[in-house]
């Protein structure tokens, strides 16, 4: 496995990274929102049919 930041072999103490530096670079990218997880917007959810209500407990 190689480091996703620089491509060097990973180090056991920093896996999946090769060093603390590369781990910190990755964290910085998350904190500055360079990485984003796609999410539905309100406009996208307005087009969906309503969800069924949860079943009632007996």
C-alpha atoms as a PDB file:
ATOM      1  CA  UNK A   1       0.000   0.000   0.000  1.00  0.00           C
ATOM      2  CA  UNK A   2       1.269   3.468  -0.777  1.00  0.00           C
ATOM      3  CA  UNK A   3       0.657   6.809   0.929  1.00  0.00           C
ATOM      4  CA  UNK A   4      -2.337   8.589  -0.662  1.00  0.00           C
ATOM      5  CA  UNK A   5      -0.538  11.946  -0.355  1.00  0.00           C
ATOM      6  CA  UNK A   6       2.976  11.305  -1.716  1.00  0.00           C
ATOM      7  CA  UNK A   7       2.949   7.701  -2.950  1.00  0.00           C
ATOM      8  CA  UNK A   8       5.747   6.414  -0.674  1.00  0.00           C
ATOM      9  CA  UNK A   9       5.321   3.104   1.206  1.00  0.00           C
ATOM     10  CA  UNK A  10       3.198   3.415   4.345  1.00  0.00           C
ATOM     11  CA  UNK A  11       4.610   3.366   7.882  1.00  0.00           C
ATOM     12  CA  UNK A  12       2.959   1.233  10.560  1.00  0.00           C
ATOM     13  CA  UNK A  13       2.535   4.132  12.992  1.00  0.00           C
ATOM     14  CA  UNK A  14       0.896   6.409  10.413  1.00  0.00           C
ATOM     15  CA  UNK A  15      -1.009   4.002   8.205  1.00  0.00           C
ATOM     16  CA  UNK A  16      -2.390   4.691   5.592  1.00  0.00           C
ATOM     17  CA  UNK A  17       0.203   7.488   5.409  1.00  0.00           C
ATOM     18  CA  UNK A  18       3.998   7.317   5.322  1.00  0.00           C
ATOM     19  CA  UNK A  19       4.632   9.997   7.945  1.00  0.00           C
ATOM     20  CA  UNK A  20       3.043  12.446  10.322  1.00  0.00           C
ATOM     21  CA  UNK A  21       3.583  15.175   7.741  1.00  0.00           C
ATOM     22  CA  UNK A  22       1.417  13.423   5.146  1.00  0.00           C
ATOM     23  CA  UNK A  23      -1.226  12.656   7.808  1.00  0.00           C
ATOM     24  CA  UNK A  24      -1.267  16.363   8.729  1.00  0.00           C
ATOM     25  CA  UNK A  25      -1.532  17.375   5.059  1.00  0.00           C
ATOM     26  CA  UNK A  26      -4.583  15.112   4.728  1.00  0.00           C
ATOM     27  CA  UNK A  27      -6.156  16.534   7.907  1.00  0.00           C
ATOM     28  CA  UNK A  28      -5.552  20.058   6.626  1.00  0.00           C
ATOM     29  CA  UNK A  29      -7.337  19.229   3.397  1.00  0.00           C
ATOM     30  CA  UNK A  30     -10.382  18.039   5.353  1.00  0.00           C
ATOM     31  CA  UNK A  31     -10.352  21.093   7.620  1.00  0.00           C
ATOM     32  CA  UNK A  32     -10.145  23.536   4.705  1.00  0.00           C
ATOM     33  CA  UNK A  33     -12.920  21.614   2.912  1.00  0.00           C
ATOM     34  CA  UNK A  34     -10.759  20.548  -0.023  1.00  0.00           C
ATOM     35  CA  UNK A  35     -12.335  17.115   0.470  1.00  0.00           C
ATOM     36  CA  UNK A  36     -16.108  16.985   0.461  1.00  0.00           C
ATOM     37  CA  UNK A  37     -18.658  14.236   0.809  1.00  0.00           C
ATOM     38  CA  UNK A  38     -21.495  14.724  -1.688  1.00  0.00           C
ATOM     39  CA  UNK A  39     -24.896  15.307  -0.132  1.00  0.00           C
ATOM     40  CA  UNK A  40     -28.377  15.879  -1.464  1.00  0.00           C
ATOM     41  CA  UNK A  41     -29.599  19.448  -1.510  1.00  0.00           C
ATOM     42  CA  UNK A  42     -33.107  20.535  -0.537  1.00  0.00           C
ATOM     43  CA  UNK A  43     -33.978  20.940  -4.197  1.00  0.00           C
ATOM     44  CA  UNK A  44     -33.047  17.317  -4.907  1.00  0.00           C
ATOM     45  CA  UNK A  45     -35.087  15.979  -1.975  1.00  0.00           C
ATOM     46  CA  UNK A  46     -38.200  18.019  -2.927  1.00  0.00           C
ATOM     47  CA  UNK A  47     -38.575  15.879  -6.064  1.00  0.00           C
ATOM     48  CA  UNK A  48     -38.634  12.615  -4.096  1.00  0.00           C
ATOM     49  CA  UNK A  49     -41.917  11.021  -2.999  1.00  0.00           C
ATOM     50  CA  UNK A  50     -42.644  11.157   0.764  1.00  0.00           C
ATOM     51  CA  UNK A  51     -41.257   8.331   2.854  1.00  0.00           C
ATOM     52  CA  UNK A  52     -43.578   5.741   4.407  1.00  0.00           C
ATOM     53  CA  UNK A  53     -44.151   6.284   8.136  1.00  0.00           C
ATOM     54  CA  UNK A  54     -42.367   3.826  10.452  1.00  0.00           C
ATOM     55  CA  UNK A  55     -44.408   0.792  11.546  1.00  0.00           C
ATOM     56  CA  UNK A  56     -46.269   1.115  14.847  1.00  0.00           C
ATOM     57  CA  UNK A  57     -45.233  -0.994  17.834  1.00  0.00           C
ATOM     58  CA  UNK A  58     -47.806  -3.467  19.101  1.00  0.00           C
END
